[in-house]
Amino acid sequence: MQTVGNRIQLSAKDVAMVIMYPGQPDGLARAMRQVRHWTQCDLLQTVNDKHTGRGRSRMYDEESSILLAAMLMELSRFGVTVDKMKYLADWFYEDWEADSEGVFFGAATGEWTGYILIDWNIDPQTGDFGEPALSVFSDEEYHDYDETVRRLPISSSATILNLNLIHDRLHWDYLSRAEAE
């Protein structure tokens, strides 16, 4: 972990320590493999070159990388493949800057519950997942609930990620301890 300006940058190990499931016997090793794999497949973006060579760590932006890696970890539990996660990752990095009316911020601060709806658009001929349609919504009062209803899935299969529960299960205490050192 290092601080550049007012931004914290994390190594792959730092990201893995925050997103891992500690109850798994190989929790950290598995999370490290996944972070490296997602980086090589361009799902996770680094702030420096992703091909750093020996002895130099890849560095990730703290906020966006941790939340995206946690969402990818959640999807991997259900067998979602990297090629299907790629669309989510690309969309997330674009939407992160705009922050979809504060859905990510509100979920991170606990002000409201934020969700990402992934509508899988299943090909009726093959049964394979197509390109997903993504949208965000929350339970914040200023949102028009009629709009939320229109965001219900249109295909036969969808996934809803609860950003608050994902955020809450992360090991933020690891970052606090690392910053103190």
N, C-alpha and C. Protein backbone atom coordinates (compact mmCIF):
# COMPACT_ATOMS: atom_id res chain seq x y z
N MET A 1 0.86 -1.17 0.00
CA MET A 1 0.00 0.00 0.00
C MET A 1 0.90 1.23 0.00
N GLN A 2 0.50 2.21 -0.81
CA GLN A 2 1.22 3.47 -0.83
C GLN A 2 0.23 4.60 -1.07
N THR A 3 0.61 5.79 -0.64
CA THR A 3 -0.23 6.96 -0.85
C THR A 3 0.45 7.84 -1.88
N VAL A 4 -0.32 8.19 -2.93
CA VAL A 4 0.16 9.08 -3.98
C VAL A 4 -0.80 10.26 -4.00
N GLY A 5 -0.29 11.43 -3.63
CA GLY A 5 -1.18 12.58 -3.47
C GLY A 5 -2.11 12.29 -2.31
N ASN A 6 -3.40 12.36 -2.57
CA ASN A 6 -4.38 12.03 -1.53
C ASN A 6 -5.07 10.70 -1.81
N ARG A 7 -4.52 9.93 -2.75
CA ARG A 7 -5.13 8.64 -3.12
C ARG A 7 -4.28 7.48 -2.61
N ILE A 8 -4.94 6.47 -2.11
CA ILE A 8 -4.25 5.26 -1.67
C ILE A 8 -4.22 4.28 -2.83
N GLN A 9 -3.04 3.73 -3.08
CA GLN A 9 -2.89 2.70 -4.10
C GLN A 9 -2.51 1.40 -3.41
N LEU A 10 -3.09 0.31 -3.91
CA LEU A 10 -2.91 -0.99 -3.29
C LEU A 10 -2.19 -1.95 -4.22
N SER A 11 -1.43 -2.87 -3.62
CA SER A 11 -0.82 -3.95 -4.39
C SER A 11 -1.88 -5.03 -4.62
N ALA A 12 -1.56 -6.00 -5.47
CA ALA A 12 -2.48 -7.11 -5.71
C ALA A 12 -2.75 -7.86 -4.40
N LYS A 13 -1.73 -8.01 -3.57
CA LYS A 13 -1.91 -8.70 -2.29
C LYS A 13 -2.85 -7.91 -1.39
N ASP A 14 -2.72 -6.58 -1.38
CA ASP A 14 -3.62 -5.76 -0.57
C ASP A 14 -5.07 -5.96 -1.00
N VAL A 15 -5.31 -5.92 -2.32
CA VAL A 15 -6.67 -6.12 -2.83
C VAL A 15 -7.18 -7.50 -2.41
N ALA A 16 -6.33 -8.52 -2.58
CA ALA A 16 -6.72 -9.89 -2.23
C ALA A 16 -7.03 -10.02 -0.73
N MET A 17 -6.25 -9.36 0.11
CA MET A 17 -6.48 -9.42 1.56
C MET A 17 -7.84 -8.83 1.93
N VAL A 18 -8.27 -7.81 1.21
CA VAL A 18 -9.55 -7.17 1.52
C VAL A 18 -10.73 -7.99 1.00
N ILE A 19 -10.59 -8.62 -0.17
CA ILE A 19 -11.74 -9.30 -0.79
C ILE A 19 -11.85 -10.78 -0.47
N MET A 20 -10.82 -11.38 0.11
CA MET A 20 -10.83 -12.84 0.30
C MET A 20 -11.91 -13.30 1.27
N TYR A 21 -12.27 -14.56 1.11
CA TYR A 21 -13.16 -15.23 2.06
C TYR A 21 -12.25 -15.98 3.03
N PRO A 22 -12.12 -15.50 4.28
CA PRO A 22 -11.15 -16.10 5.19
C PRO A 22 -11.49 -17.53 5.62
N GLY A 23 -12.72 -17.94 5.47
CA GLY A 23 -13.12 -19.29 5.87
C GLY A 23 -12.67 -20.37 4.91
N GLN A 24 -12.19 -19.99 3.74
CA GLN A 24 -11.71 -20.98 2.79
C GLN A 24 -10.27 -21.34 3.15
N PRO A 25 -9.92 -22.63 3.03
CA PRO A 25 -8.57 -23.03 3.41
C PRO A 25 -7.48 -22.31 2.60
N ASP A 26 -7.76 -21.98 1.36
CA ASP A 26 -6.77 -21.29 0.52
C ASP A 26 -7.27 -19.90 0.15
N GLY A 27 -7.96 -19.23 1.08
CA GLY A 27 -8.61 -17.95 0.82
C GLY A 27 -7.72 -16.90 0.20
N LEU A 28 -6.55 -16.62 0.81
CA LEU A 28 -5.67 -15.59 0.28
C LEU A 28 -5.05 -16.03 -1.05
N ALA A 29 -4.60 -17.26 -1.13
CA ALA A 29 -3.98 -17.74 -2.37
C ALA A 29 -4.97 -17.69 -3.52
N ARG A 30 -6.20 -18.09 -3.26
CA ARG A 30 -7.23 -18.06 -4.30
C ARG A 30 -7.52 -16.63 -4.73
N ALA A 31 -7.67 -15.74 -3.76
CA ALA A 31 -7.95 -14.34 -4.08
C ALA A 31 -6.79 -13.72 -4.86
N MET A 32 -5.56 -14.06 -4.50
CA MET A 32 -4.39 -13.54 -5.24
C MET A 32 -4.41 -14.02 -6.69
N ARG A 33 -4.68 -15.32 -6.89
CA ARG A 33 -4.75 -15.86 -8.26
C ARG A 33 -5.83 -15.14 -9.06
N GLN A 34 -6.97 -14.91 -8.43
CA GLN A 34 -8.06 -14.26 -9.14
C GLN A 34 -7.72 -12.81 -9.48
N VAL A 35 -7.15 -12.07 -8.56
CA VAL A 35 -6.77 -10.68 -8.83
C VAL A 35 -5.78 -10.63 -9.99
N ARG A 36 -4.78 -11.50 -9.97
CA ARG A 36 -3.79 -11.53 -11.07
C ARG A 36 -4.46 -11.89 -12.39
N HIS A 37 -5.33 -12.89 -12.36
CA HIS A 37 -6.01 -13.32 -13.58
C HIS A 37 -6.92 -12.22 -14.12
N TRP A 38 -7.68 -11.59 -13.25
CA TRP A 38 -8.56 -10.51 -13.69
C TRP A 38 -7.76 -9.34 -14.27
N THR A 39 -6.58 -9.10 -13.71
CA THR A 39 -5.72 -8.03 -14.24
C THR A 39 -5.22 -8.41 -15.63
N GLN A 40 -4.74 -9.64 -15.78
CA GLN A 40 -4.24 -10.08 -17.09
C GLN A 40 -5.34 -10.05 -18.15
N CYS A 41 -6.58 -10.31 -17.74
CA CYS A 41 -7.72 -10.32 -18.67
C CYS A 41 -8.36 -8.93 -18.82
N ASP A 42 -7.73 -7.91 -18.24
CA ASP A 42 -8.18 -6.52 -18.33
C ASP A 42 -9.53 -6.27 -17.65
N LEU A 43 -9.84 -7.02 -16.62
CA LEU A 43 -11.03 -6.73 -15.84
C LEU A 43 -10.70 -5.70 -14.76
N LEU A 44 -9.56 -5.85 -14.11
CA LEU A 44 -9.09 -4.89 -13.11
C LEU A 44 -8.03 -4.01 -13.75
N GLN A 45 -8.17 -2.72 -13.58
CA GLN A 45 -7.21 -1.77 -14.14
C GLN A 45 -6.18 -1.39 -13.08
N THR A 46 -4.94 -1.30 -13.52
CA THR A 46 -3.87 -0.87 -12.63
C THR A 46 -3.59 0.61 -12.88
N VAL A 47 -3.00 1.27 -11.88
CA VAL A 47 -2.62 2.67 -12.06
C VAL A 47 -1.24 2.77 -12.71
N ASN A 48 -0.49 1.68 -12.70
CA ASN A 48 0.78 1.61 -13.42
C ASN A 48 0.67 0.50 -14.46
N ASP A 49 1.77 0.17 -15.11
CA ASP A 49 1.76 -0.86 -16.14
C ASP A 49 1.39 -2.20 -15.51
N LYS A 50 0.52 -2.96 -16.17
CA LYS A 50 0.14 -4.26 -15.61
C LYS A 50 1.27 -5.28 -15.77
N HIS A 51 2.22 -5.02 -16.66
CA HIS A 51 3.40 -5.88 -16.83
C HIS A 51 4.58 -5.17 -16.17
N THR A 52 4.68 -5.29 -14.86
CA THR A 52 5.65 -4.51 -14.10
C THR A 52 7.04 -5.12 -14.09
N GLY A 53 7.16 -6.38 -14.45
CA GLY A 53 8.46 -7.04 -14.35
C GLY A 53 8.69 -7.54 -12.93
N ARG A 54 9.85 -8.12 -12.73
CA ARG A 54 10.16 -8.71 -11.43
C ARG A 54 10.49 -7.63 -10.40
N GLY A 55 9.94 -7.80 -9.21
CA GLY A 55 10.28 -6.93 -8.10
C GLY A 55 9.49 -5.64 -8.00
N ARG A 56 8.61 -5.38 -8.94
CA ARG A 56 7.76 -4.17 -8.87
C ARG A 56 6.30 -4.61 -8.83
N SER A 57 5.58 -4.08 -7.89
CA SER A 57 4.17 -4.46 -7.71
C SER A 57 3.27 -3.72 -8.68
N ARG A 58 2.25 -4.41 -9.11
CA ARG A 58 1.14 -3.72 -9.79
C ARG A 58 0.41 -2.95 -8.71
N MET A 59 -0.04 -1.76 -9.06
CA MET A 59 -0.75 -0.95 -8.08
C MET A 59 -2.15 -0.65 -8.61
N TYR A 60 -3.12 -0.69 -7.70
CA TYR A 60 -4.53 -0.51 -8.02
C TYR A 60 -5.08 0.67 -7.23
N ASP A 61 -6.02 1.39 -7.84
CA ASP A 61 -6.72 2.44 -7.13
C ASP A 61 -7.58 1.79 -6.05
N GLU A 62 -7.49 2.31 -4.84
CA GLU A 62 -8.15 1.66 -3.71
C GLU A 62 -9.66 1.50 -3.89
N GLU A 63 -10.36 2.59 -4.07
CA GLU A 63 -11.82 2.53 -4.03
C GLU A 63 -12.41 1.68 -5.14
N SER A 64 -12.13 2.03 -6.37
CA SER A 64 -12.78 1.33 -7.47
C SER A 64 -12.30 -0.11 -7.59
N SER A 65 -11.03 -0.37 -7.36
CA SER A 65 -10.51 -1.73 -7.53
C SER A 65 -11.07 -2.70 -6.50
N ILE A 66 -11.17 -2.25 -5.28
CA ILE A 66 -11.69 -3.14 -4.23
C ILE A 66 -13.15 -3.48 -4.50
N LEU A 67 -13.97 -2.49 -4.80
CA LEU A 67 -15.39 -2.77 -5.02
C LEU A 67 -15.58 -3.65 -6.26
N LEU A 68 -14.89 -3.35 -7.35
CA LEU A 68 -15.03 -4.19 -8.54
C LEU A 68 -14.51 -5.60 -8.28
N ALA A 69 -13.36 -5.74 -7.64
CA ALA A 69 -12.83 -7.07 -7.34
C ALA A 69 -13.79 -7.87 -6.46
N ALA A 70 -14.42 -7.20 -5.52
CA ALA A 70 -15.39 -7.88 -4.65
C ALA A 70 -16.61 -8.34 -5.45
N MET A 71 -17.06 -7.51 -6.40
CA MET A 71 -18.19 -7.93 -7.24
C MET A 71 -17.79 -9.10 -8.14
N LEU A 72 -16.58 -9.06 -8.69
CA LEU A 72 -16.10 -10.16 -9.52
C LEU A 72 -15.97 -11.44 -8.69
N MET A 73 -15.50 -11.31 -7.46
CA MET A 73 -15.39 -12.46 -6.56
C MET A 73 -16.77 -13.07 -6.32
N GLU A 74 -17.76 -12.20 -6.12
CA GLU A 74 -19.13 -12.67 -5.90
C GLU A 74 -19.64 -13.42 -7.13
N LEU A 75 -19.43 -12.86 -8.31
CA LEU A 75 -19.89 -13.51 -9.53
C LEU A 75 -19.14 -14.82 -9.80
N SER A 76 -17.87 -14.88 -9.45
CA SER A 76 -17.09 -16.11 -9.69
C SER A 76 -17.62 -17.26 -8.84
N ARG A 77 -18.19 -16.94 -7.69
CA ARG A 77 -18.78 -17.99 -6.84
C ARG A 77 -19.91 -18.71 -7.56
N PHE A 78 -20.54 -18.03 -8.51
CA PHE A 78 -21.65 -18.62 -9.25
C PHE A 78 -21.23 -19.12 -10.62
N GLY A 79 -19.93 -19.19 -10.86
CA GLY A 79 -19.43 -19.76 -12.10
C GLY A 79 -19.48 -18.82 -13.30
N VAL A 80 -19.66 -17.52 -13.08
CA VAL A 80 -19.67 -16.57 -14.19
C VAL A 80 -18.24 -16.49 -14.72
N THR A 81 -18.08 -16.65 -16.02
CA THR A 81 -16.77 -16.69 -16.63
C THR A 81 -16.21 -15.28 -16.87
N VAL A 82 -14.90 -15.22 -17.08
CA VAL A 82 -14.21 -13.95 -17.27
C VAL A 82 -14.77 -13.21 -18.48
N ASP A 83 -15.09 -13.92 -19.56
CA ASP A 83 -15.60 -13.21 -20.74
C ASP A 83 -16.94 -12.54 -20.45
N LYS A 84 -17.74 -13.08 -19.56
CA LYS A 84 -19.00 -12.44 -19.18
C LYS A 84 -18.79 -11.34 -18.14
N MET A 85 -17.74 -11.48 -17.34
CA MET A 85 -17.42 -10.44 -16.36
C MET A 85 -16.83 -9.20 -17.04
N LYS A 86 -16.23 -9.37 -18.20
CA LYS A 86 -15.55 -8.26 -18.88
C LYS A 86 -16.51 -7.11 -19.14
N TYR A 87 -17.72 -7.41 -19.56
CA TYR A 87 -18.70 -6.37 -19.83
C TYR A 87 -19.02 -5.60 -18.55
N LEU A 88 -19.17 -6.32 -17.44
CA LEU A 88 -19.43 -5.68 -16.15
C LEU A 88 -18.27 -4.77 -15.76
N ALA A 89 -17.03 -5.27 -15.91
CA ALA A 89 -15.86 -4.49 -15.52
C ALA A 89 -15.75 -3.21 -16.35
N ASP A 90 -15.92 -3.33 -17.65
CA ASP A 90 -15.85 -2.14 -18.52
C ASP A 90 -16.93 -1.13 -18.13
N TRP A 91 -18.15 -1.62 -17.95
CA TRP A 91 -19.26 -0.76 -17.56
C TRP A 91 -18.98 -0.10 -16.21
N PHE A 92 -18.48 -0.88 -15.26
CA PHE A 92 -18.24 -0.37 -13.92
C PHE A 92 -17.25 0.79 -13.94
N TYR A 93 -16.12 0.63 -14.65
CA TYR A 93 -15.13 1.70 -14.67
C TYR A 93 -15.69 2.97 -15.31
N GLU A 94 -16.53 2.82 -16.33
CA GLU A 94 -17.16 4.00 -16.93
C GLU A 94 -18.16 4.61 -15.95
N ASP A 95 -18.95 3.78 -15.30
CA ASP A 95 -20.00 4.25 -14.41
C ASP A 95 -19.44 4.75 -13.08
N TRP A 96 -18.28 4.25 -12.68
CA TRP A 96 -17.68 4.66 -11.41
C TRP A 96 -17.48 6.17 -11.37
N GLU A 97 -16.99 6.73 -12.47
CA GLU A 97 -16.75 8.17 -12.52
C GLU A 97 -18.06 8.95 -12.43
N ALA A 98 -19.10 8.47 -13.12
CA ALA A 98 -20.40 9.15 -13.10
C ALA A 98 -21.15 8.84 -11.81
N ASP A 99 -20.91 7.69 -11.23
CA ASP A 99 -21.51 7.18 -10.00
C ASP A 99 -23.02 7.12 -10.02
N SER A 100 -23.61 6.89 -11.13
CA SER A 100 -25.03 6.57 -11.22
C SER A 100 -25.89 7.18 -10.13
N GLU A 101 -25.90 8.48 -10.09
CA GLU A 101 -26.72 9.19 -9.11
C GLU A 101 -26.35 8.86 -7.68
N GLY A 102 -25.09 8.55 -7.44
CA GLY A 102 -24.61 8.30 -6.09
C GLY A 102 -24.86 6.91 -5.56
N VAL A 103 -25.21 5.95 -6.40
CA VAL A 103 -25.52 4.61 -5.91
C VAL A 103 -24.30 3.98 -5.25
N PHE A 104 -23.11 4.06 -5.86
CA PHE A 104 -21.91 3.47 -5.26
C PHE A 104 -21.54 4.18 -3.96
N PHE A 105 -21.57 5.50 -3.99
CA PHE A 105 -21.24 6.29 -2.80
C PHE A 105 -22.21 5.98 -1.66
N GLY A 106 -23.50 5.98 -1.96
CA GLY A 106 -24.51 5.71 -0.93
C GLY A 106 -24.38 4.33 -0.34
N ALA A 107 -24.03 3.34 -1.17
CA ALA A 107 -23.84 1.98 -0.67
C ALA A 107 -22.60 1.91 0.22
N ALA A 108 -21.52 2.58 -0.20
CA ALA A 108 -20.27 2.55 0.58
C ALA A 108 -20.43 3.24 1.93
N THR A 109 -21.20 4.31 1.97
CA THR A 109 -21.38 5.04 3.23
C THR A 109 -22.53 4.49 4.06
N GLY A 110 -23.35 3.63 3.47
CA GLY A 110 -24.49 3.07 4.18
C GLY A 110 -25.70 3.98 4.21
N GLU A 111 -25.68 5.06 3.44
CA GLU A 111 -26.82 5.98 3.42
C GLU A 111 -28.05 5.33 2.79
N TRP A 112 -27.85 4.44 1.86
CA TRP A 112 -28.95 3.68 1.26
C TRP A 112 -28.40 2.40 0.70
N THR A 113 -29.28 1.52 0.27
CA THR A 113 -28.87 0.25 -0.29
C THR A 113 -28.80 0.40 -1.81
N GLY A 114 -27.64 0.06 -2.36
CA GLY A 114 -27.44 0.14 -3.81
C GLY A 114 -27.35 -1.24 -4.42
N TYR A 115 -27.87 -1.36 -5.63
CA TYR A 115 -27.90 -2.64 -6.32
C TYR A 115 -27.40 -2.47 -7.75
N ILE A 116 -26.82 -3.54 -8.27
CA ILE A 116 -26.53 -3.64 -9.70
C ILE A 116 -27.35 -4.81 -10.21
N LEU A 117 -28.14 -4.54 -11.22
CA LEU A 117 -28.94 -5.58 -11.87
C LEU A 117 -28.21 -6.01 -13.13
N ILE A 118 -27.91 -7.31 -13.22
CA ILE A 118 -27.26 -7.87 -14.40
C ILE A 118 -28.30 -8.77 -15.07
N ASP A 119 -28.80 -8.31 -16.21
CA ASP A 119 -29.79 -9.05 -16.98
C ASP A 119 -29.03 -9.82 -18.05
N TRP A 120 -29.03 -11.14 -17.97
CA TRP A 120 -28.10 -11.96 -18.75
C TRP A 120 -28.47 -12.15 -20.22
N ASN A 121 -29.67 -11.79 -20.65
CA ASN A 121 -30.03 -11.91 -22.06
C ASN A 121 -29.63 -13.26 -22.66
N ILE A 122 -30.29 -14.28 -22.23
CA ILE A 122 -29.97 -15.64 -22.66
C ILE A 122 -30.43 -15.87 -24.10
N ASP A 123 -29.54 -16.46 -24.90
CA ASP A 123 -29.85 -16.81 -26.29
C ASP A 123 -30.88 -17.94 -26.27
N PRO A 124 -32.08 -17.75 -26.83
CA PRO A 124 -33.11 -18.78 -26.75
C PRO A 124 -32.77 -20.04 -27.53
N GLN A 125 -31.90 -19.94 -28.52
CA GLN A 125 -31.53 -21.11 -29.33
C GLN A 125 -30.50 -21.99 -28.62
N THR A 126 -29.48 -21.37 -28.05
CA THR A 126 -28.38 -22.13 -27.46
C THR A 126 -28.45 -22.22 -25.95
N GLY A 127 -29.16 -21.29 -25.31
CA GLY A 127 -29.20 -21.24 -23.86
C GLY A 127 -27.98 -20.56 -23.26
N ASP A 128 -27.06 -20.08 -24.10
CA ASP A 128 -25.86 -19.40 -23.61
C ASP A 128 -26.18 -17.98 -23.19
N PHE A 129 -25.37 -17.48 -22.24
CA PHE A 129 -25.49 -16.08 -21.86
C PHE A 129 -25.08 -15.21 -23.03
N GLY A 130 -25.84 -14.16 -23.26
CA GLY A 130 -25.45 -13.16 -24.23
C GLY A 130 -24.79 -12.01 -23.51
N GLU A 131 -24.68 -10.87 -24.17
CA GLU A 131 -24.11 -9.70 -23.52
C GLU A 131 -25.11 -9.20 -22.48
N PRO A 132 -24.67 -9.02 -21.24
CA PRO A 132 -25.61 -8.61 -20.21
C PRO A 132 -26.01 -7.15 -20.35
N ALA A 133 -27.18 -6.84 -19.88
CA ALA A 133 -27.63 -5.46 -19.75
C ALA A 133 -27.49 -5.11 -18.27
N LEU A 134 -26.92 -3.97 -17.98
CA LEU A 134 -26.64 -3.59 -16.61
C LEU A 134 -27.36 -2.32 -16.24
N SER A 135 -27.81 -2.25 -15.00
CA SER A 135 -28.39 -1.01 -14.48
C SER A 135 -28.18 -0.98 -12.98
N VAL A 136 -28.25 0.20 -12.41
CA VAL A 136 -28.13 0.36 -10.97
C VAL A 136 -29.42 0.97 -10.43
N PHE A 137 -29.69 0.67 -9.19
CA PHE A 137 -30.82 1.30 -8.53
C PHE A 137 -30.57 1.23 -7.03
N SER A 138 -31.34 1.97 -6.29
CA SER A 138 -31.18 1.98 -4.83
C SER A 138 -32.54 2.18 -4.19
N ASP A 139 -32.54 2.12 -2.87
CA ASP A 139 -33.78 2.38 -2.14
C ASP A 139 -33.83 3.81 -1.64
N GLU A 140 -32.96 4.68 -2.15
CA GLU A 140 -32.96 6.09 -1.78
C GLU A 140 -34.29 6.73 -2.15
N GLU A 141 -34.82 7.57 -1.28
CA GLU A 141 -36.15 8.14 -1.46
C GLU A 141 -36.30 8.97 -2.72
N TYR A 142 -35.23 9.65 -3.17
CA TYR A 142 -35.42 10.52 -4.33
C TYR A 142 -35.53 9.75 -5.64
N HIS A 143 -35.24 8.45 -5.61
CA HIS A 143 -35.39 7.67 -6.84
C HIS A 143 -36.87 7.43 -7.12
N ASP A 144 -37.22 7.47 -8.36
CA ASP A 144 -38.59 7.23 -8.80
C ASP A 144 -38.81 5.71 -8.82
N TYR A 145 -39.68 5.22 -7.93
CA TYR A 145 -39.87 3.78 -7.85
C TYR A 145 -40.50 3.20 -9.10
N ASP A 146 -41.26 4.00 -9.84
CA ASP A 146 -41.78 3.50 -11.11
C ASP A 146 -40.63 3.17 -12.06
N GLU A 147 -39.57 3.99 -12.03
CA GLU A 147 -38.39 3.73 -12.86
C GLU A 147 -37.72 2.42 -12.43
N THR A 148 -37.65 2.17 -11.12
CA THR A 148 -37.05 0.93 -10.62
C THR A 148 -37.83 -0.27 -11.14
N VAL A 149 -39.15 -0.18 -11.13
CA VAL A 149 -39.96 -1.29 -11.60
C VAL A 149 -39.68 -1.56 -13.08
N ARG A 150 -39.48 -0.52 -13.85
CA ARG A 150 -39.17 -0.71 -15.27
C ARG A 150 -37.81 -1.36 -15.48
N ARG A 151 -36.97 -1.36 -14.46
CA ARG A 151 -35.65 -1.97 -14.58
C ARG A 151 -35.67 -3.46 -14.25
N LEU A 152 -36.81 -4.02 -14.00
CA LEU A 152 -36.87 -5.45 -13.73
C LEU A 152 -36.35 -6.22 -14.93
N PRO A 153 -35.79 -7.41 -14.71
CA PRO A 153 -35.20 -8.17 -15.81
C PRO A 153 -36.21 -8.44 -16.92
N ILE A 154 -35.70 -8.43 -18.15
CA ILE A 154 -36.54 -8.76 -19.29
C ILE A 154 -36.23 -10.14 -19.83
N SER A 155 -35.12 -10.73 -19.39
CA SER A 155 -34.79 -12.08 -19.85
C SER A 155 -35.15 -13.09 -18.77
N SER A 156 -34.86 -14.35 -19.05
CA SER A 156 -35.25 -15.41 -18.11
C SER A 156 -34.29 -15.57 -16.95
N SER A 157 -33.17 -14.85 -16.97
CA SER A 157 -32.20 -15.01 -15.90
C SER A 157 -31.53 -13.67 -15.60
N ALA A 158 -31.39 -13.35 -14.33
CA ALA A 158 -30.74 -12.11 -13.92
C ALA A 158 -30.07 -12.32 -12.57
N THR A 159 -29.13 -11.44 -12.28
CA THR A 159 -28.43 -11.45 -11.01
C THR A 159 -28.52 -10.04 -10.43
N ILE A 160 -28.80 -9.94 -9.16
CA ILE A 160 -28.78 -8.64 -8.50
C ILE A 160 -27.69 -8.68 -7.44
N LEU A 161 -26.75 -7.75 -7.55
CA LEU A 161 -25.69 -7.63 -6.56
C LEU A 161 -26.08 -6.54 -5.57
N ASN A 162 -26.11 -6.88 -4.30
CA ASN A 162 -26.38 -5.90 -3.25
C ASN A 162 -25.04 -5.29 -2.86
N LEU A 163 -24.80 -4.06 -3.28
CA LEU A 163 -23.51 -3.42 -3.06
C LEU A 163 -23.19 -3.24 -1.58
N ASN A 164 -24.21 -3.01 -0.76
CA ASN A 164 -23.98 -2.82 0.68
C ASN A 164 -23.47 -4.10 1.32
N LEU A 165 -24.09 -5.23 1.00
CA LEU A 165 -23.65 -6.49 1.60
C LEU A 165 -22.26 -6.87 1.11
N ILE A 166 -21.97 -6.60 -0.15
CA ILE A 166 -20.62 -6.85 -0.66
C ILE A 166 -19.63 -5.96 0.07
N HIS A 167 -19.95 -4.68 0.18
CA HIS A 167 -19.07 -3.72 0.87
C HIS A 167 -18.86 -4.12 2.33
N ASP A 168 -19.92 -4.54 2.99
CA ASP A 168 -19.84 -4.87 4.42
C ASP A 168 -19.03 -6.12 4.71
N ARG A 169 -18.95 -7.06 3.77
CA ARG A 169 -18.21 -8.30 4.03
C ARG A 169 -16.70 -8.15 3.81
N LEU A 170 -16.27 -7.04 3.26
CA LEU A 170 -14.86 -6.84 2.97
C LEU A 170 -14.06 -6.57 4.25
N HIS A 171 -12.78 -6.82 4.19
CA HIS A 171 -11.90 -6.72 5.35
C HIS A 171 -11.20 -5.36 5.38
N TRP A 172 -12.01 -4.33 5.64
CA TRP A 172 -11.49 -2.97 5.68
C TRP A 172 -10.49 -2.78 6.81
N ASP A 173 -10.61 -3.59 7.85
CA ASP A 173 -9.68 -3.49 8.97
C ASP A 173 -8.25 -3.78 8.54
N TYR A 174 -8.07 -4.61 7.51
CA TYR A 174 -6.73 -4.88 6.99
C TYR A 174 -6.08 -3.57 6.50
N LEU A 175 -6.84 -2.77 5.77
CA LEU A 175 -6.30 -1.50 5.26
C LEU A 175 -5.98 -0.54 6.41
N SER A 176 -6.82 -0.51 7.42
CA SER A 176 -6.57 0.37 8.57
C SER A 176 -5.29 -0.03 9.28
N ARG A 177 -5.07 -1.32 9.46
CA ARG A 177 -3.84 -1.80 10.11
C ARG A 177 -2.63 -1.50 9.23
N ALA A 178 -2.76 -1.71 7.92
CA ALA A 178 -1.63 -1.47 7.01
C ALA A 178 -1.27 0.01 6.96
N GLU A 179 -2.27 0.89 7.01
CA GLU A 179 -2.01 2.33 7.02
C GLU A 179 -1.30 2.75 8.29
N ALA A 180 -1.63 2.12 9.40
CA ALA A 180 -1.03 2.49 10.68
C ALA A 180 0.44 2.09 10.77
N GLU A 181 0.84 1.09 9.98
CA GLU A 181 2.23 0.60 10.04
C GLU A 181 3.20 1.51 9.38
